[in-house]
Amino acid sequence: LNGSLTKAEVDYSTLWSKDFQDDFFKGKLTEWLSTGTIAKDNS
């Protein structure tokens, strides 16, 4: 879906989690709820 949205030039954010309780997920979810986007780590 992500690859298809990229090709279709649709803006989206993406997340994943085992149980949706881990710190990484909650932190990124907070970011999305607050700003509508999630910054990616492309370092």
PDB file of all heavy atoms in Angstrom:
ATOM      1  N   LEU A   1       0.839  -1.201   0.000  1.00  0.00           N
ATOM      2  CA  LEU A   1       0.000   0.000   0.000  1.00  0.00           C
ATOM      3  C   LEU A   1       0.873   1.249   0.000  1.00  0.00           C
ATOM      4  O   LEU A   1       0.602   2.212  -0.734  1.00  0.00           O
ATOM      5  CB  LEU A   1      -0.928  -0.018   1.214  1.00  0.00           C
ATOM      6  CG  LEU A   1      -1.842   1.196   1.400  1.00  0.00           C
ATOM      7  CD1 LEU A   1      -2.771   1.369   0.214  1.00  0.00           C
ATOM      8  CD2 LEU A   1      -2.642   1.064   2.700  1.00  0.00           C
ATOM      9  N   ASN A   2       1.938   1.248   0.794  1.00  0.00           N
ATOM     10  CA  ASN A   2       2.824   2.409   0.848  1.00  0.00           C
ATOM     11  C   ASN A   2       3.457   2.696  -0.510  1.00  0.00           C
ATOM     12  O   ASN A   2       3.530   3.852  -0.941  1.00  0.00           O
ATOM     13  CB  ASN A   2       3.921   2.184   1.892  1.00  0.00           C
ATOM     14  CG  ASN A   2       3.402   2.202   3.316  1.00  0.00           C
ATOM     15  OD1 ASN A   2       2.234   2.511   3.555  1.00  0.00           O
ATOM     16  ND2 ASN A   2       4.246   1.866   4.269  1.00  0.00           N
ATOM     17  N   GLY A   3       3.948   1.649  -1.171  1.00  0.00           N
ATOM     18  CA  GLY A   3       4.538   1.845  -2.489  1.00  0.00           C
ATOM     19  C   GLY A   3       3.541   2.363  -3.500  1.00  0.00           C
ATOM     20  O   GLY A   3       3.866   3.194  -4.362  1.00  0.00           O
ATOM     21  N   SER A   4       2.313   1.892  -3.389  1.00  0.00           N
ATOM     22  CA  SER A   4       1.266   2.334  -4.314  1.00  0.00           C
ATOM     23  C   SER A   4       0.864   3.777  -4.049  1.00  0.00           C
ATOM     24  O   SER A   4       0.643   4.559  -4.983  1.00  0.00           O
ATOM     25  CB  SER A   4       0.047   1.408  -4.197  1.00  0.00           C
ATOM     26  OG  SER A   4       0.371   0.085  -4.598  1.00  0.00           O
ATOM     27  N   LEU A   5       0.757   4.157  -2.777  1.00  0.00           N
ATOM     28  CA  LEU A   5       0.440   5.547  -2.441  1.00  0.00           C
ATOM     29  C   LEU A   5       1.563   6.479  -2.892  1.00  0.00           C
ATOM     30  O   LEU A   5       1.308   7.594  -3.366  1.00  0.00           O
ATOM     31  CB  LEU A   5       0.204   5.688  -0.944  1.00  0.00           C
ATOM     32  CG  LEU A   5      -1.061   5.032  -0.384  1.00  0.00           C
ATOM     33  CD1 LEU A   5      -1.073   5.097   1.139  1.00  0.00           C
ATOM     34  CD2 LEU A   5      -2.315   5.676  -0.954  1.00  0.00           C
ATOM     35  N   THR A   6       2.801   6.039  -2.747  1.00  0.00           N
ATOM     36  CA  THR A   6       3.934   6.840  -3.219  1.00  0.00           C
ATOM     37  C   THR A   6       3.841   7.064  -4.719  1.00  0.00           C
ATOM     38  O   THR A   6       4.010   8.191  -5.197  1.00  0.00           O
ATOM     39  CB  THR A   6       5.262   6.140  -2.872  1.00  0.00           C
ATOM     40  OG1 THR A   6       5.374   6.015  -1.448  1.00  0.00           O
ATOM     41  CG2 THR A   6       6.446   6.929  -3.401  1.00  0.00           C
ATOM     42  N   LYS A   7       3.581   6.007  -5.460  1.00  0.00           N
ATOM     43  CA  LYS A   7       3.441   6.136  -6.917  1.00  0.00           C
ATOM     44  C   LYS A   7       2.280   7.066  -7.264  1.00  0.00           C
ATOM     45  O   LYS A   7       2.379   7.867  -8.204  1.00  0.00           O
ATOM     46  CB  LYS A   7       3.217   4.761  -7.552  1.00  0.00           C
ATOM     47  CG  LYS A   7       2.994   4.805  -9.060  1.00  0.00           C
ATOM     48  CD  LYS A   7       2.599   3.453  -9.613  1.00  0.00           C
ATOM     49  CE  LYS A   7       2.214   3.548 -11.096  1.00  0.00           C
ATOM     50  NZ  LYS A   7       1.706   2.267 -11.629  1.00  0.00           N
ATOM     51  N   ALA A   8       1.176   6.976  -6.507  1.00  0.00           N
ATOM     52  CA  ALA A   8      -0.014   7.787  -6.779  1.00  0.00           C
ATOM     53  C   ALA A   8       0.120   9.217  -6.267  1.00  0.00           C
ATOM     54  O   ALA A   8      -0.800  10.025  -6.437  1.00  0.00           O
ATOM     55  CB  ALA A   8      -1.242   7.127  -6.158  1.00  0.00           C
ATOM     56  N   GLU A   9       1.246   9.537  -5.631  1.00  0.00           N
ATOM     57  CA  GLU A   9       1.530  10.868  -5.099  1.00  0.00           C
ATOM     58  C   GLU A   9       0.504  11.291  -4.042  1.00  0.00           C
ATOM     59  O   GLU A   9       0.033  12.432  -4.007  1.00  0.00           O
ATOM     60  CB  GLU A   9       1.630  11.897  -6.231  1.00  0.00           C
ATOM     61  CG  GLU A   9       2.737  11.550  -7.232  1.00  0.00           C
ATOM     62  CD  GLU A   9       2.940  12.601  -8.308  1.00  0.00           C
ATOM     63  OE1 GLU A   9       2.462  13.727  -8.134  1.00  0.00           O
ATOM     64  OE2 GLU A   9       3.565  12.276  -9.329  1.00  0.00           O
ATOM     65  N   VAL A  10       0.171  10.320  -3.178  1.00  0.00           N
ATOM     66  CA  VAL A  10      -0.721  10.567  -2.040  1.00  0.00           C
ATOM     67  C   VAL A  10       0.136  10.667  -0.786  1.00  0.00           C
ATOM     68  O   VAL A  10       0.936   9.780  -0.489  1.00  0.00           O
ATOM     69  CB  VAL A  10      -1.743   9.419  -1.889  1.00  0.00           C
ATOM     70  CG1 VAL A  10      -2.589   9.621  -0.623  1.00  0.00           C
ATOM     71  CG2 VAL A  10      -2.629   9.325  -3.121  1.00  0.00           C
ATOM     72  N   ASP A  11      -0.014  11.750  -0.041  1.00  0.00           N
ATOM     73  CA  ASP A  11       0.741  11.913   1.202  1.00  0.00           C
ATOM     74  C   ASP A  11       0.198  10.958   2.271  1.00  0.00           C
ATOM     75  O   ASP A  11      -1.019  10.818   2.449  1.00  0.00           O
ATOM     76  CB  ASP A  11       0.627  13.348   1.709  1.00  0.00           C
ATOM     77  CG  ASP A  11       1.362  14.337   0.803  1.00  0.00           C
ATOM     78  OD1 ASP A  11       2.354  13.929   0.166  1.00  0.00           O
ATOM     79  OD2 ASP A  11       0.927  15.508   0.739  1.00  0.00           O
ATOM     80  N   TYR A  12       1.115  10.320   2.993  1.00  0.00           N
ATOM     81  CA  TYR A  12       0.714   9.393   4.050  1.00  0.00           C
ATOM     82  C   TYR A  12       1.845   9.276   5.058  1.00  0.00           C
ATOM     83  O   TYR A  12       3.003   9.610   4.786  1.00  0.00           O
ATOM     84  CB  TYR A  12       0.388   8.015   3.473  1.00  0.00           C
ATOM     85  CG  TYR A  12       1.602   7.312   2.888  1.00  0.00           C
ATOM     86  CD1 TYR A  12       2.345   6.400   3.648  1.00  0.00           C
ATOM     87  CD2 TYR A  12       2.034   7.572   1.588  1.00  0.00           C
ATOM     88  CE1 TYR A  12       3.471   5.780   3.127  1.00  0.00           C
ATOM     89  CE2 TYR A  12       3.153   6.947   1.061  1.00  0.00           C
ATOM     90  CZ  TYR A  12       3.871   6.056   1.835  1.00  0.00           C
ATOM     91  OH  TYR A  12       4.990   5.443   1.324  1.00  0.00           O
ATOM     92  N   SER A  13       1.520   8.791   6.225  1.00  0.00           N
ATOM     93  CA  SER A  13       2.506   8.391   7.221  1.00  0.00           C
ATOM     94  C   SER A  13       2.328   6.900   7.464  1.00  0.00           C
ATOM     95  O   SER A  13       1.298   6.321   7.092  1.00  0.00           O
ATOM     96  CB  SER A  13       2.303   9.165   8.521  1.00  0.00           C
ATOM     97  OG  SER A  13       2.463  10.557   8.316  1.00  0.00           O
ATOM     98  N   THR A  14       3.314   6.268   8.080  1.00  0.00           N
ATOM     99  CA  THR A  14       3.233   4.818   8.253  1.00  0.00           C
ATOM    100  C   THR A  14       3.804   4.408   9.604  1.00  0.00           C
ATOM    101  O   THR A  14       4.763   5.010  10.096  1.00  0.00           O
ATOM    102  CB  THR A  14       3.965   4.092   7.097  1.00  0.00           C
ATOM    103  OG1 THR A  14       3.713   2.688   7.190  1.00  0.00           O
ATOM    104  CG2 THR A  14       5.458   4.346   7.114  1.00  0.00           C
ATOM    105  N   LEU A  15       3.194   3.367  10.211  1.00  0.00           N
ATOM    106  CA  LEU A  15       3.606   2.861  11.521  1.00  0.00           C
ATOM    107  C   LEU A  15       3.340   1.360  11.616  1.00  0.00           C
ATOM    108  O   LEU A  15       2.551   0.800  10.835  1.00  0.00           O
ATOM    109  CB  LEU A  15       2.858   3.578  12.644  1.00  0.00           C
ATOM    110  CG  LEU A  15       3.511   4.825  13.242  1.00  0.00           C
ATOM    111  CD1 LEU A  15       2.609   5.415  14.330  1.00  0.00           C
ATOM    112  CD2 LEU A  15       4.884   4.509  13.817  1.00  0.00           C
ATOM    113  N   TRP A  16       3.924   0.732  12.613  1.00  0.00           N
ATOM    114  CA  TRP A  16       3.816  -0.720  12.812  1.00  0.00           C
ATOM    115  C   TRP A  16       4.081  -0.987  14.283  1.00  0.00           C
ATOM    116  O   TRP A  16       4.775  -0.239  14.965  1.00  0.00           O
ATOM    117  CB  TRP A  16       4.842  -1.449  11.947  1.00  0.00           C
ATOM    118  CG  TRP A  16       6.188  -0.790  12.082  1.00  0.00           C
ATOM    119  CD1 TRP A  16       7.168  -1.076  12.983  1.00  0.00           C
ATOM    120  CD2 TRP A  16       6.641   0.353  11.345  1.00  0.00           C
ATOM    121  NE1 TRP A  16       8.220  -0.190  12.848  1.00  0.00           N
ATOM    122  CE2 TRP A  16       7.923   0.689  11.847  1.00  0.00           C
ATOM    123  CE3 TRP A  16       6.107   1.122  10.293  1.00  0.00           C
ATOM    124  CZ2 TRP A  16       8.667   1.756  11.343  1.00  0.00           C
ATOM    125  CZ3 TRP A  16       6.849   2.183   9.804  1.00  0.00           C
ATOM    126  CH2 TRP A  16       8.114   2.489  10.308  1.00  0.00           C
ATOM    127  N   SER A  17       3.526  -2.070  14.781  1.00  0.00           N
ATOM    128  CA  SER A  17       3.751  -2.416  16.184  1.00  0.00           C
ATOM    129  C   SER A  17       3.278  -3.838  16.444  1.00  0.00           C
ATOM    130  O   SER A  17       2.388  -4.350  15.751  1.00  0.00           O
ATOM    131  CB  SER A  17       3.003  -1.454  17.109  1.00  0.00           C
ATOM    132  OG  SER A  17       3.196  -1.810  18.462  1.00  0.00           O
ATOM    133  N   LYS A  18       3.877  -4.452  17.473  1.00  0.00           N
ATOM    134  CA  LYS A  18       3.462  -5.794  17.866  1.00  0.00           C
ATOM    135  C   LYS A  18       2.173  -5.760  18.670  1.00  0.00           C
ATOM    136  O   LYS A  18       1.272  -6.560  18.460  1.00  0.00           O
ATOM    137  CB  LYS A  18       4.579  -6.474  18.663  1.00  0.00           C
ATOM    138  CG  LYS A  18       4.323  -7.931  18.978  1.00  0.00           C
ATOM    139  CD  LYS A  18       5.532  -8.576  19.631  1.00  0.00           C
ATOM    140  CE  LYS A  18       5.290 -10.055  19.901  1.00  0.00           C
ATOM    141  NZ  LYS A  18       6.490 -10.701  20.514  1.00  0.00           N
ATOM    142  N   ASP A  19       2.082  -4.814  19.614  1.00  0.00           N
ATOM    143  CA  ASP A  19       0.888  -4.736  20.456  1.00  0.00           C
ATOM    144  C   ASP A  19       0.371  -3.306  20.622  1.00  0.00           C
ATOM    145  O   ASP A  19      -0.557  -3.064  21.383  1.00  0.00           O
ATOM    146  CB  ASP A  19       1.151  -5.349  21.823  1.00  0.00           C
ATOM    147  CG  ASP A  19       2.299  -4.657  22.556  1.00  0.00           C
ATOM    148  OD1 ASP A  19       2.791  -3.612  22.076  1.00  0.00           O
ATOM    149  OD2 ASP A  19       2.713  -5.173  23.613  1.00  0.00           O
ATOM    150  N   PHE A  20       1.007  -2.340  19.925  1.00  0.00           N
ATOM    151  CA  PHE A  20       0.598  -0.937  19.926  1.00  0.00           C
ATOM    152  C   PHE A  20       0.743  -0.286  21.300  1.00  0.00           C
ATOM    153  O   PHE A  20       0.082   0.691  21.608  1.00  0.00           O
ATOM    154  CB  PHE A  20      -0.832  -0.782  19.392  1.00  0.00           C
ATOM    155  CG  PHE A  20      -1.011  -1.452  18.059  1.00  0.00           C
ATOM    156  CD1 PHE A  20      -1.624  -2.692  17.950  1.00  0.00           C
ATOM    157  CD2 PHE A  20      -0.508  -0.869  16.906  1.00  0.00           C
ATOM    158  CE1 PHE A  20      -1.742  -3.332  16.725  1.00  0.00           C
ATOM    159  CE2 PHE A  20      -0.614  -1.505  15.675  1.00  0.00           C
ATOM    160  CZ  PHE A  20      -1.237  -2.736  15.579  1.00  0.00           C
ATOM    161  N   GLN A  21       1.662  -0.850  22.099  1.00  0.00           N
ATOM    162  CA  GLN A  21       1.940  -0.302  23.434  1.00  0.00           C
ATOM    163  C   GLN A  21       3.406   0.097  23.613  1.00  0.00           C
ATOM    164  O   GLN A  21       3.758   0.646  24.654  1.00  0.00           O
ATOM    165  CB  GLN A  21       1.564  -1.327  24.514  1.00  0.00           C
ATOM    166  CG  GLN A  21       0.066  -1.497  24.735  1.00  0.00           C
ATOM    167  CD  GLN A  21      -0.572  -0.269  25.356  1.00  0.00           C
ATOM    168  OE1 GLN A  21      -0.076   0.291  26.329  1.00  0.00           O
ATOM    169  NE2 GLN A  21      -1.684   0.174  24.790  1.00  0.00           N
ATOM    170  N   ASP A  22       4.244  -0.162  22.643  1.00  0.00           N
ATOM    171  CA  ASP A  22       5.663   0.141  22.793  1.00  0.00           C
ATOM    172  C   ASP A  22       5.914   1.645  22.674  1.00  0.00           C
ATOM    173  O   ASP A  22       5.122   2.397  22.098  1.00  0.00           O
ATOM    174  CB  ASP A  22       6.493  -0.622  21.747  1.00  0.00           C
ATOM    175  CG  ASP A  22       6.069  -0.302  20.323  1.00  0.00           C
ATOM    176  OD1 ASP A  22       5.092  -0.926  19.842  1.00  0.00           O
ATOM    177  OD2 ASP A  22       6.695   0.573  19.692  1.00  0.00           O
ATOM    178  N   ASP A  23       7.042   2.087  23.220  1.00  0.00           N
ATOM    179  CA  ASP A  23       7.356   3.513  23.268  1.00  0.00           C
ATOM    180  C   ASP A  23       7.519   4.113  21.874  1.00  0.00           C
ATOM    181  O   ASP A  23       7.099   5.257  21.634  1.00  0.00           O
ATOM    182  CB  ASP A  23       8.631   3.741  24.076  1.00  0.00           C
ATOM    183  CG  ASP A  23       8.445   3.445  25.552  1.00  0.00           C
ATOM    184  OD1 ASP A  23       7.280   3.423  26.009  1.00  0.00           O
ATOM    185  OD2 ASP A  23       9.455   3.215  26.250  1.00  0.00           O
ATOM    186  N   PHE A  24       8.146   3.359  20.955  1.00  0.00           N
ATOM    187  CA  PHE A  24       8.338   3.878  19.597  1.00  0.00           C
ATOM    188  C   PHE A  24       6.989   4.172  18.950  1.00  0.00           C
ATOM    189  O   PHE A  24       6.773   5.261  18.398  1.00  0.00           O
ATOM    190  CB  PHE A  24       9.113   2.870  18.743  1.00  0.00           C
ATOM    191  CG  PHE A  24       9.215   3.257  17.287  1.00  0.00           C
ATOM    192  CD1 PHE A  24      10.176   4.163  16.858  1.00  0.00           C
ATOM    193  CD2 PHE A  24       8.344   2.721  16.342  1.00  0.00           C
ATOM    194  CE1 PHE A  24      10.276   4.530  15.520  1.00  0.00           C
ATOM    195  CE2 PHE A  24       8.431   3.073  15.008  1.00  0.00           C
ATOM    196  CZ  PHE A  24       9.396   3.980  14.589  1.00  0.00           C
ATOM    197  N   PHE A  25       6.071   3.222  19.046  1.00  0.00           N
ATOM    198  CA  PHE A  25       4.760   3.414  18.427  1.00  0.00           C
ATOM    199  C   PHE A  25       4.019   4.582  19.067  1.00  0.00           C
ATOM    200  O   PHE A  25       3.482   5.446  18.363  1.00  0.00           O
ATOM    201  CB  PHE A  25       3.919   2.139  18.536  1.00  0.00           C
ATOM    202  CG  PHE A  25       2.520   2.309  18.008  1.00  0.00           C
ATOM    203  CD1 PHE A  25       2.272   2.334  16.652  1.00  0.00           C
ATOM    204  CD2 PHE A  25       1.454   2.488  18.881  1.00  0.00           C
ATOM    205  CE1 PHE A  25       0.981   2.523  16.160  1.00  0.00           C
ATOM    206  CE2 PHE A  25       0.160   2.676  18.404  1.00  0.00           C
ATOM    207  CZ  PHE A  25      -0.068   2.691  17.034  1.00  0.00           C
ATOM    208  N   LYS A  26       3.990   4.626  20.383  1.00  0.00           N
ATOM    209  CA  LYS A  26       3.241   5.685  21.061  1.00  0.00           C
ATOM    210  C   LYS A  26       3.826   7.060  20.768  1.00  0.00           C
ATOM    211  O   LYS A  26       3.087   8.041  20.583  1.00  0.00           O
ATOM    212  CB  LYS A  26       3.202   5.422  22.564  1.00  0.00           C
ATOM    213  CG  LYS A  26       2.264   4.288  22.968  1.00  0.00           C
ATOM    214  CD  LYS A  26       2.149   4.195  24.480  1.00  0.00           C
ATOM    215  CE  LYS A  26       1.104   3.174  24.896  1.00  0.00           C
ATOM    216  NZ  LYS A  26       0.955   3.091  26.368  1.00  0.00           N
ATOM    217  N   GLY A  27       5.147   7.126  20.706  1.00  0.00           N
ATOM    218  CA  GLY A  27       5.769   8.409  20.407  1.00  0.00           C
ATOM    219  C   GLY A  27       5.435   8.899  19.012  1.00  0.00           C
ATOM    220  O   GLY A  27       5.105  10.078  18.798  1.00  0.00           O
ATOM    221  N   LYS A  28       5.488   7.997  18.033  1.00  0.00           N
ATOM    222  CA  LYS A  28       5.189   8.363  16.650  1.00  0.00           C
ATOM    223  C   LYS A  28       3.691   8.621  16.465  1.00  0.00           C
ATOM    224  O   LYS A  28       3.292   9.482  15.668  1.00  0.00           O
ATOM    225  CB  LYS A  28       5.661   7.274  15.691  1.00  0.00           C
ATOM    226  CG  LYS A  28       7.177   7.133  15.614  1.00  0.00           C
ATOM    227  CD  LYS A  28       7.823   8.409  15.075  1.00  0.00           C
ATOM    228  CE  LYS A  28       9.315   8.276  14.929  1.00  0.00           C
ATOM    229  NZ  LYS A  28       9.949   9.528  14.426  1.00  0.00           N
ATOM    230  N   LEU A  29       2.856   7.870  17.180  1.00  0.00           N
ATOM    231  CA  LEU A  29       1.412   8.113  17.112  1.00  0.00           C
ATOM    232  C   LEU A  29       1.086   9.504  17.649  1.00  0.00           C
ATOM    233  O   LEU A  29       0.264  10.231  17.066  1.00  0.00           O
ATOM    234  CB  LEU A  29       0.661   7.049  17.902  1.00  0.00           C
ATOM    235  CG  LEU A  29      -0.868   7.182  17.916  1.00  0.00           C
ATOM    236  CD1 LEU A  29      -1.435   7.024  16.509  1.00  0.00           C
ATOM    237  CD2 LEU A  29      -1.493   6.165  18.864  1.00  0.00           C
ATOM    238  N   THR A  30       1.729   9.887  18.750  1.00  0.00           N
ATOM    239  CA  THR A  30       1.538  11.236  19.297  1.00  0.00           C
ATOM    240  C   THR A  30       1.900  12.295  18.263  1.00  0.00           C
ATOM    241  O   THR A  30       1.192  13.300  18.095  1.00  0.00           O
ATOM    242  CB  THR A  30       2.406  11.420  20.553  1.00  0.00           C
ATOM    243  OG1 THR A  30       2.011  10.466  21.538  1.00  0.00           O
ATOM    244  CG2 THR A  30       2.254  12.823  21.123  1.00  0.00           C
ATOM    245  N   GLU A  31       2.992  12.049  17.562  1.00  0.00           N
ATOM    246  CA  GLU A  31       3.440  12.978  16.526  1.00  0.00           C
ATOM    247  C   GLU A  31       2.392  13.102  15.423  1.00  0.00           C
ATOM    248  O   GLU A  31       2.079  14.209  14.960  1.00  0.00           O
ATOM    249  CB  GLU A  31       4.768  12.472  15.951  1.00  0.00           C
ATOM    250  CG  GLU A  31       5.426  13.400  14.953  1.00  0.00           C
ATOM    251  CD  GLU A  31       6.753  12.842  14.467  1.00  0.00           C
ATOM    252  OE1 GLU A  31       7.303  11.913  15.106  1.00  0.00           O
ATOM    253  OE2 GLU A  31       7.246  13.328  13.426  1.00  0.00           O
ATOM    254  N   TRP A  32       1.835  11.970  15.006  1.00  0.00           N
ATOM    255  CA  TRP A  32       0.828  11.988  13.924  1.00  0.00           C
ATOM    256  C   TRP A  32      -0.461  12.663  14.384  1.00  0.00           C
ATOM    257  O   TRP A  32      -1.051  13.465  13.660  1.00  0.00           O
ATOM    258  CB  TRP A  32       0.544  10.567  13.444  1.00  0.00           C
ATOM    259  CG  TRP A  32      -0.404  10.517  12.287  1.00  0.00           C
ATOM    260  CD1 TRP A  32      -0.139  10.879  11.008  1.00  0.00           C
ATOM    261  CD2 TRP A  32      -1.768  10.075  12.315  1.00  0.00           C
ATOM    262  NE1 TRP A  32      -1.264  10.689  10.211  1.00  0.00           N
ATOM    263  CE2 TRP A  32      -2.275  10.198  11.000  1.00  0.00           C
ATOM    264  CE3 TRP A  32      -2.610   9.576  13.314  1.00  0.00           C
ATOM    265  CZ2 TRP A  32      -3.582   9.844  10.660  1.00  0.00           C
ATOM    266  CZ3 TRP A  32      -3.912   9.225  12.985  1.00  0.00           C
ATOM    267  CH2 TRP A  32      -4.389   9.361  11.667  1.00  0.00           C
ATOM    268  N   LEU A  33      -0.900  12.353  15.613  1.00  0.00           N
ATOM    269  CA  LEU A  33      -2.125  12.965  16.136  1.00  0.00           C
ATOM    270  C   LEU A  33      -1.978  14.476  16.285  1.00  0.00           C
ATOM    271  O   LEU A  33      -2.936  15.232  16.132  1.00  0.00           O
ATOM    272  CB  LEU A  33      -2.483  12.345  17.486  1.00  0.00           C
ATOM    273  CG  LEU A  33      -2.933  10.876  17.466  1.00  0.00           C
ATOM    274  CD1 LEU A  33      -3.043  10.339  18.884  1.00  0.00           C
ATOM    275  CD2 LEU A  33      -4.244  10.713  16.714  1.00  0.00           C
ATOM    276  N   SER A  34      -0.762  14.925  16.579  1.00  0.00           N
ATOM    277  CA  SER A  34      -0.524  16.352  16.810  1.00  0.00           C
ATOM    278  C   SER A  34      -0.310  17.136  15.531  1.00  0.00           C
ATOM    279  O   SER A  34      -0.745  18.289  15.409  1.00  0.00           O
ATOM    280  CB  SER A  34       0.703  16.529  17.715  1.00  0.00           C
ATOM    281  OG  SER A  34       0.532  15.864  18.943  1.00  0.00           O
ATOM    282  N   THR A  35       0.382  16.513  14.554  1.00  0.00           N
ATOM    283  CA  THR A  35       0.803  17.256  13.353  1.00  0.00           C
ATOM    284  C   THR A  35       0.239  16.712  12.056  1.00  0.00           C
ATOM    285  O   THR A  35       0.293  17.389  11.031  1.00  0.00           O
ATOM    286  CB  THR A  35       2.335  17.253  13.238  1.00  0.00           C
ATOM    287  OG1 THR A  35       2.784  15.915  12.958  1.00  0.00           O
ATOM    288  CG2 THR A  35       2.982  17.738  14.530  1.00  0.00           C
ATOM    289  N   GLY A  36      -0.277  15.486  12.072  1.00  0.00           N
ATOM    290  CA  GLY A  36      -0.769  14.874  10.833  1.00  0.00           C
ATOM    291  C   GLY A  36       0.316  14.229  10.007  1.00  0.00           C
ATOM    292  O   GLY A  36       0.047  13.693   8.933  1.00  0.00           O
ATOM    293  N   THR A  37       1.560  14.260  10.482  1.00  0.00           N
ATOM    294  CA  THR A  37       2.673  13.627   9.771  1.00  0.00           C
ATOM    295  C   THR A  37       3.595  12.951  10.784  1.00  0.00           C
ATOM    296  O   THR A  37       3.515  13.199  11.984  1.00  0.00           O
ATOM    297  CB  THR A  37       3.497  14.652   8.960  1.00  0.00           C
ATOM    298  OG1 THR A  37       4.046  15.621   9.856  1.00  0.00           O
ATOM    299  CG2 THR A  37       2.637  15.353   7.923  1.00  0.00           C
ATOM    300  N   ILE A  38       4.488  12.106  10.252  1.00  0.00           N
ATOM    301  CA  ILE A  38       5.504  11.452  11.069  1.00  0.00           C
ATOM    302  C   ILE A  38       6.841  11.633  10.377  1.00  0.00           C
ATOM    303  O   ILE A  38       7.003  11.265   9.191  1.00  0.00           O
ATOM    304  CB  ILE A  38       5.213   9.949  11.262  1.00  0.00           C
ATOM    305  CG1 ILE A  38       3.927   9.756  12.080  1.00  0.00           C
ATOM    306  CG2 ILE A  38       6.387   9.244  11.936  1.00  0.00           C
ATOM    307  CD1 ILE A  38       3.505   8.306  12.201  1.00  0.00           C
ATOM    308  N   ALA A  39       7.808  12.181  11.080  1.00  0.00           N
ATOM    309  CA  ALA A  39       9.144  12.355  10.513  1.00  0.00           C
ATOM    310  C   ALA A  39       9.834  11.000  10.413  1.00  0.00           C
ATOM    311  O   ALA A  39       9.771  10.183  11.343  1.00  0.00           O
ATOM    312  CB  ALA A  39       9.967  13.299  11.379  1.00  0.00           C
ATOM    313  N   LYS A  40      10.482  10.749   9.282  1.00  0.00           N
ATOM    314  CA  LYS A  40      11.194   9.494   9.058  1.00  0.00           C
ATOM    315  C   LYS A  40      12.674   9.661   9.387  1.00  0.00           C
ATOM    316  O   LYS A  40      13.254  10.717   9.162  1.00  0.00           O
ATOM    317  CB  LYS A  40      11.049   9.054   7.598  1.00  0.00           C
ATOM    318  CG  LYS A  40       9.635   8.737   7.170  1.00  0.00           C
ATOM    319  CD  LYS A  40       9.617   8.325   5.704  1.00  0.00           C
ATOM    320  CE  LYS A  40       8.205   8.032   5.224  1.00  0.00           C
ATOM    321  NZ  LYS A  40       8.179   7.655   3.787  1.00  0.00           N
ATOM    322  N   ASP A  41      13.258   8.591   9.867  1.00  0.00           N
ATOM    323  CA  ASP A  41      14.691   8.557  10.096  1.00  0.00           C
ATOM    324  C   ASP A  41      15.364   7.954   8.864  1.00  0.00           C
ATOM    325  O   ASP A  41      15.392   6.742   8.685  1.00  0.00           O
ATOM    326  CB  ASP A  41      15.008   7.721  11.340  1.00  0.00           C
ATOM    327  CG  ASP A  41      16.511   7.596  11.585  1.00  0.00           C
ATOM    328  OD1 ASP A  41      17.298   8.265  10.878  1.00  0.00           O
ATOM    329  OD2 ASP A  41      16.895   6.819  12.472  1.00  0.00           O
ATOM    330  N   ASN A  42      15.877   8.823   8.004  1.00  0.00           N
ATOM    331  CA  ASN A  42      16.563   8.372   6.790  1.00  0.00           C
ATOM    332  C   ASN A  42      18.073   8.578   6.893  1.00  0.00           C
ATOM    333  O   ASN A  42      18.764   8.743   5.877  1.00  0.00           O
ATOM    334  CB  ASN A  42      16.021   9.128   5.568  1.00  0.00           C
ATOM    335  CG  ASN A  42      14.662   8.612   5.130  1.00  0.00           C
ATOM    336  OD1 ASN A  42      14.352   7.435   5.317  1.00  0.00           O
ATOM    337  ND2 ASN A  42      13.846   9.478   4.568  1.00  0.00           N
ATOM    338  N   SER A  43      18.584   8.521   8.117  1.00  0.00           N
ATOM    339  CA  SER A  43      20.017   8.734   8.300  1.00  0.00           C
ATOM    340  C   SER A  43      20.850   7.599   7.705  1.00  0.00           C
ATOM    341  O   SER A  43      22.066   7.743   7.553  1.00  0.00           O
ATOM    342  CB  SER A  43      20.336   8.886   9.791  1.00  0.00           C
ATOM    343  OG  SER A  43      19.936   7.736  10.521  1.00  0.00           O
TER     344      SER A  43
END
